[in-house]
């Protein structure tokens, strides 16, 4: 049975963006390792890592995953849905 932790909306509101709660959505295995390393080293934050239980592939190499995580949110060229959406228009 999975446990659910409820985080008050006031902690993740626009005024408090990134000051208390940080939410991470790593897309592959190496990015998950990089995010976990970052979260375990951080202090004074509630870090939420959203990851699946199924095995996932390592799309990015270890160095590329660290670079991707240090930059922040990004779009993977060649893997984004924006190209497919643009073709249908």
Protein backbone atom coordinates (compact mmCIF):
# COMPACT_ATOMS: atom_id res chain seq x y z
CA UNK A 1 0.00 0.00 0.00
CA UNK A 2 1.38 3.39 -0.97
CA UNK A 3 1.52 6.21 1.51
CA UNK A 4 0.35 9.64 0.54
CA UNK A 5 1.83 12.75 2.08
CA UNK A 6 -0.34 15.82 1.75
CA UNK A 7 1.57 19.06 1.29
CA UNK A 8 -0.41 22.22 2.08
CA UNK A 9 -0.99 24.34 -1.03
CA UNK A 10 0.32 27.38 0.82
CA UNK A 11 3.81 25.83 0.79
CA UNK A 12 3.87 25.46 -2.99
CA UNK A 13 2.04 28.65 -3.96
CA UNK A 14 3.50 31.27 -6.29
CA UNK A 15 4.63 33.44 -3.38
CA UNK A 16 6.62 30.57 -1.88
CA UNK A 17 7.84 29.11 -5.20
CA UNK A 18 10.93 27.01 -4.46
CA UNK A 19 11.47 28.40 -0.98
CA UNK A 20 10.14 25.42 0.99
CA UNK A 21 8.96 22.62 -1.31
CA UNK A 22 10.79 21.54 -4.45
CA UNK A 23 9.21 19.01 -6.82
CA UNK A 24 11.38 16.98 -9.23
CA UNK A 25 10.18 14.89 -12.20
CA UNK A 26 13.26 13.05 -13.51
CA UNK A 27 12.61 11.61 -17.00
CA UNK A 28 15.21 8.81 -17.00
CA UNK A 29 17.42 6.69 -14.74
CA UNK A 30 20.57 8.86 -14.78
CA UNK A 31 18.56 12.02 -14.21
CA UNK A 32 16.90 10.31 -11.25
CA UNK A 33 20.33 9.55 -9.79
CA UNK A 34 21.42 13.17 -10.25
CA UNK A 35 18.21 14.50 -8.68
CA UNK A 36 18.48 12.08 -5.74
CA UNK A 37 22.10 13.14 -5.16
CA UNK A 38 21.06 16.81 -5.17
CA UNK A 39 18.10 16.23 -2.84
CA UNK A 40 20.13 14.20 -0.33
CA UNK A 41 22.70 17.00 -0.11
CA UNK A 42 20.18 19.85 0.25
CA UNK A 43 19.06 21.26 3.58
CA UNK A 44 15.97 23.15 4.80
CA UNK A 45 13.72 22.03 1.90
CA UNK A 46 11.01 19.47 1.42
CA UNK A 47 12.12 17.64 -1.73
CA UNK A 48 9.51 15.64 -3.63
CA UNK A 49 10.81 13.24 -6.30
CA UNK A 50 8.12 11.81 -8.57
CA UNK A 51 9.33 8.58 -10.20
CA UNK A 52 7.76 5.36 -11.41
CA UNK A 53 8.39 1.89 -10.02
CA UNK A 54 8.92 0.28 -13.40
CA UNK A 55 12.44 -0.06 -14.80
CA UNK A 56 13.37 2.85 -17.05
CA UNK A 57 16.11 3.32 -19.57
CA UNK A 58 19.00 5.72 -19.31
CA UNK A 59 18.39 8.12 -22.19
CA UNK A 60 21.02 10.63 -21.08
CA UNK A 61 24.55 9.70 -20.09
CA UNK A 62 25.72 10.43 -16.55
CA UNK A 63 27.45 13.71 -17.46
CA UNK A 64 24.56 14.86 -19.67
CA UNK A 65 22.08 14.10 -16.86
CA UNK A 66 24.06 16.21 -14.39
CA UNK A 67 24.22 19.07 -16.91
CA UNK A 68 20.48 18.77 -17.62
CA UNK A 69 19.65 18.90 -13.90
CA UNK A 70 21.93 21.86 -13.22
CA UNK A 71 20.28 23.90 -16.00
CA UNK A 72 16.76 23.17 -14.75
CA UNK A 73 13.66 22.48 -16.80
CA UNK A 74 14.29 21.89 -20.47
CA UNK A 75 13.02 20.34 -23.69
CA UNK A 76 14.83 17.37 -25.16
CA UNK A 77 15.15 18.00 -28.87
CA UNK A 78 14.00 15.00 -30.84
CA UNK A 79 11.87 13.70 -27.98
CA UNK A 80 9.42 16.56 -27.45
CA UNK A 81 5.80 16.44 -28.58
CA UNK A 82 5.94 19.97 -30.00
CA UNK A 83 7.22 18.74 -33.36
CA UNK A 84 4.43 16.20 -33.69
CA UNK A 85 1.83 18.84 -32.80
CA UNK A 86 3.24 21.28 -35.33
CA UNK A 87 3.03 18.67 -38.12
CA UNK A 88 -0.70 18.15 -37.56
CA UNK A 89 -1.54 21.83 -37.99
